[in-house]
N, C-alpha and C. Protein backbone atom coordinates (compact mmCIF):
# COMPACT_ATOMS: atom_id res chain seq x y z
N MET A 1 117.70 84.84 80.76
CA MET A 1 116.10 84.63 80.90
C MET A 1 115.47 86.08 81.32
N ASP A 2 114.25 86.45 80.70
CA ASP A 2 113.66 87.58 80.96
C ASP A 2 112.99 87.46 82.10
N GLN A 3 112.58 88.55 82.52
CA GLN A 3 111.72 88.91 84.03
C GLN A 3 110.28 87.90 83.95
N LYS A 4 109.89 88.26 82.67
CA LYS A 4 108.35 87.42 82.65
C LYS A 4 108.76 85.89 82.68
N ARG A 5 109.65 85.20 82.37
CA ARG A 5 109.76 83.95 82.57
C ARG A 5 110.07 83.68 83.74
N LYS A 6 111.11 84.47 84.50
CA LYS A 6 111.37 84.19 85.78
C LYS A 6 109.90 84.19 86.74
N GLY A 7 109.34 85.16 86.45
CA GLY A 7 107.76 85.29 86.92
C GLY A 7 107.05 83.95 86.90
N GLU A 8 106.86 83.37 85.64
CA GLU A 8 105.96 82.17 85.42
C GLU A 8 106.72 81.07 86.29
N ILE A 9 108.02 80.93 86.13
CA ILE A 9 108.79 79.81 86.93
C ILE A 9 108.40 79.99 88.14
N ALA A 10 108.59 81.11 89.11
CA ALA A 10 108.41 81.38 90.36
C ALA A 10 106.90 81.02 90.70
N LEU A 11 105.79 81.39 89.81
CA LEU A 11 104.25 80.99 90.25
C LEU A 11 104.29 79.50 89.90
N LEU A 12 104.97 78.81 89.11
CA LEU A 12 105.02 77.43 88.93
C LEU A 12 105.31 76.77 90.21
N TYR A 13 106.38 77.10 90.68
CA TYR A 13 107.05 76.76 91.92
C TYR A 13 106.35 76.98 93.00
N LEU A 14 105.89 78.26 93.38
CA LEU A 14 105.04 78.40 94.49
C LEU A 14 103.72 77.68 94.52
N LYS A 15 103.06 77.44 93.50
CA LYS A 15 101.82 76.87 93.48
C LYS A 15 102.31 75.15 93.67
N LEU A 16 103.32 74.55 93.35
CA LEU A 16 103.38 73.47 93.61
C LEU A 16 103.78 73.15 95.17
N LYS A 17 104.62 74.10 95.59
CA LYS A 17 105.21 73.96 97.01
C LYS A 17 103.76 74.30 97.78
N LEU A 18 103.12 74.91 97.79
CA LEU A 18 101.48 75.40 98.34
C LEU A 18 100.84 74.09 98.25
N SER A 19 100.67 73.46 96.99
CA SER A 19 99.64 72.45 96.89
C SER A 19 100.24 70.81 97.94
N GLU A 20 101.69 71.09 97.74
CA GLU A 20 102.38 69.79 98.60
C GLU A 20 102.62 70.06 100.02
N ASP A 21 102.67 71.21 100.13
CA ASP A 21 102.86 71.50 101.93
C ASP A 21 101.29 72.16 102.64
N GLY A 22 100.50 72.74 101.57
CA GLY A 22 99.25 72.82 102.29
C GLY A 22 99.39 74.61 102.36
N ILE A 23 98.28 75.04 102.85
CA ILE A 23 98.03 76.57 103.16
C ILE A 23 97.22 76.50 104.52
N ARG A 24 97.99 77.38 105.50
CA ARG A 24 97.24 77.63 106.66
C ARG A 24 96.66 78.93 106.68
N LEU A 25 95.49 78.99 106.63
CA LEU A 25 94.63 80.15 106.77
C LEU A 25 94.09 80.33 108.17
N LYS A 26 94.92 80.95 108.78
CA LYS A 26 94.79 81.62 110.23
C LYS A 26 94.08 83.00 110.16
N PRO A 27 93.40 83.45 111.38
CA PRO A 27 92.90 84.45 111.14
C PRO A 27 93.67 85.50 111.16
N ASP A 28 94.80 85.71 111.22
CA ASP A 28 95.58 86.93 110.80
C ASP A 28 96.23 86.84 109.63
N ILE A 29 95.96 86.14 108.65
CA ILE A 29 96.45 85.53 107.45
C ILE A 29 96.46 87.28 106.71
N LYS A 30 95.57 87.97 106.72
CA LYS A 30 95.35 89.37 106.03
C LYS A 30 96.37 90.33 106.48
N ARG A 31 96.49 90.42 107.88
CA ARG A 31 97.52 91.26 108.38
C ARG A 31 99.04 90.71 107.94
N GLN A 32 99.37 89.58 107.74
CA GLN A 32 100.49 89.06 107.98
C GLN A 32 100.71 89.41 106.26
N MET A 33 99.65 89.32 105.15
CA MET A 33 99.97 89.43 103.81
C MET A 33 100.45 90.91 103.75
N ILE A 34 99.65 91.98 104.39
CA ILE A 34 99.89 93.33 104.54
C ILE A 34 101.38 93.41 104.91
N ASN A 35 101.90 93.03 105.94
CA ASN A 35 102.95 93.21 106.55
C ASN A 35 103.98 92.35 105.73
N THR A 36 104.08 91.55 104.96
CA THR A 36 104.73 90.93 104.03
C THR A 36 105.11 91.78 102.74
N SER A 37 103.94 92.41 102.57
CA SER A 37 103.86 93.34 101.30
C SER A 37 104.69 94.33 101.52
N LYS A 38 104.90 94.92 102.56
CA LYS A 38 105.60 96.17 103.04
C LYS A 38 107.21 95.62 102.88
N LEU A 39 107.43 94.50 103.33
CA LEU A 39 108.61 93.99 103.31
C LEU A 39 109.28 93.77 101.79
N ILE A 40 108.16 93.49 101.11
CA ILE A 40 108.92 92.97 99.61
C ILE A 40 108.87 94.26 98.88
N GLY A 41 108.13 95.18 98.87
CA GLY A 41 108.00 96.57 98.15
C GLY A 41 106.78 96.35 97.24
N ILE A 42 105.84 95.87 97.89
CA ILE A 42 104.46 95.96 96.77
C ILE A 42 103.23 96.55 97.82
N THR A 43 102.11 96.70 97.17
CA THR A 43 100.96 97.37 98.07
C THR A 43 100.40 96.15 98.87
N PRO A 44 99.90 96.50 99.75
CA PRO A 44 98.85 95.49 100.29
C PRO A 44 97.84 95.08 99.35
N GLY A 45 97.09 95.94 98.63
CA GLY A 45 96.27 95.42 97.58
C GLY A 45 96.70 94.04 96.64
N GLU A 46 97.80 94.45 96.11
CA GLU A 46 98.29 93.69 95.32
C GLU A 46 98.92 92.19 95.95
N ALA A 47 99.19 92.39 97.23
CA ALA A 47 99.61 91.16 97.94
C ALA A 47 98.26 90.12 98.26
N ILE A 48 97.10 90.95 98.59
CA ILE A 48 95.93 90.21 99.12
C ILE A 48 95.42 89.56 97.67
N GLU A 49 95.55 90.59 96.57
CA GLU A 49 94.75 90.01 95.39
C GLU A 49 95.55 88.69 95.04
N PHE A 50 96.83 88.79 94.81
CA PHE A 50 97.73 87.66 94.51
C PHE A 50 97.51 86.61 95.27
N GLY A 51 97.44 86.82 96.63
CA GLY A 51 97.17 85.68 97.72
C GLY A 51 95.58 84.95 97.20
N GLU A 52 94.64 85.83 97.15
CA GLU A 52 93.44 85.09 97.28
C GLU A 52 93.21 84.76 95.64
N THR A 53 94.02 85.05 94.54
CA THR A 53 93.80 84.55 93.17
C THR A 53 94.50 83.01 93.68
N LEU A 54 95.65 82.82 94.02
CA LEU A 54 96.26 81.74 94.08
C LEU A 54 95.49 80.95 94.84
N VAL A 55 94.82 81.11 95.93
CA VAL A 55 94.45 80.16 96.64
C VAL A 55 93.35 79.75 95.82
N ARG A 56 92.41 80.64 95.18
CA ARG A 56 91.39 79.98 94.53
C ARG A 56 91.59 79.08 93.50
N GLU A 57 92.83 79.38 92.75
CA GLU A 57 93.14 78.53 91.67
C GLU A 57 93.64 77.14 92.39
N LEU A 58 94.20 77.12 93.29
CA LEU A 58 94.46 75.91 93.86
C LEU A 58 93.30 74.88 94.38
N VAL A 59 92.36 75.72 94.71
CA VAL A 59 91.16 75.25 95.50
C VAL A 59 90.50 74.51 94.05
N GLU A 60 90.49 75.34 93.13
CA GLU A 60 89.67 74.86 92.12
C GLU A 60 90.15 73.77 91.42
N GLU A 61 91.89 73.58 91.16
CA GLU A 61 92.33 72.54 90.80
C GLU A 61 92.22 71.12 91.57
N ALA A 62 92.14 71.54 93.07
CA ALA A 62 92.26 70.23 93.70
C ALA A 62 90.62 69.58 93.62
N PHE A 63 89.75 70.54 93.66
CA PHE A 63 88.04 70.05 93.30
C PHE A 63 87.63 69.84 91.72
N ALA A 64 88.71 69.88 91.03
CA ALA A 64 88.36 69.93 89.53
C ALA A 64 87.85 68.48 89.16
N LYS A 65 86.55 68.41 88.50
CA LYS A 65 86.30 67.13 87.93
C LYS A 65 87.31 66.30 86.80
N PRO A 66 87.44 64.90 86.77
CA PRO A 66 88.34 64.47 86.25
C PRO A 66 87.72 64.61 84.72
N GLU A 67 88.84 64.77 83.72
CA GLU A 67 88.55 64.67 82.41
C GLU A 67 87.87 63.38 81.76
N LYS A 68 87.03 63.24 81.18
CA LYS A 68 86.49 61.86 80.61
C LYS A 68 87.72 61.85 79.26
N GLN A 69 87.90 60.51 79.20
CA GLN A 69 88.90 59.94 78.13
C GLN A 69 88.30 59.35 77.31
């Protein structure tokens, strides 16, 4: 399995877990993301951009209008 496919699977898994378990948007979430980014070896900007994108996607999916059949 190549790295691209691993990333796709990881993203799908993460989105499922977050949609099932929920997301806690505490006041210090940005600081937590910055600290975590350092631990996993990515830039704080990447962590924040990824988190923001993911949360926006989940919100859009949650409030999407049902498709007409």
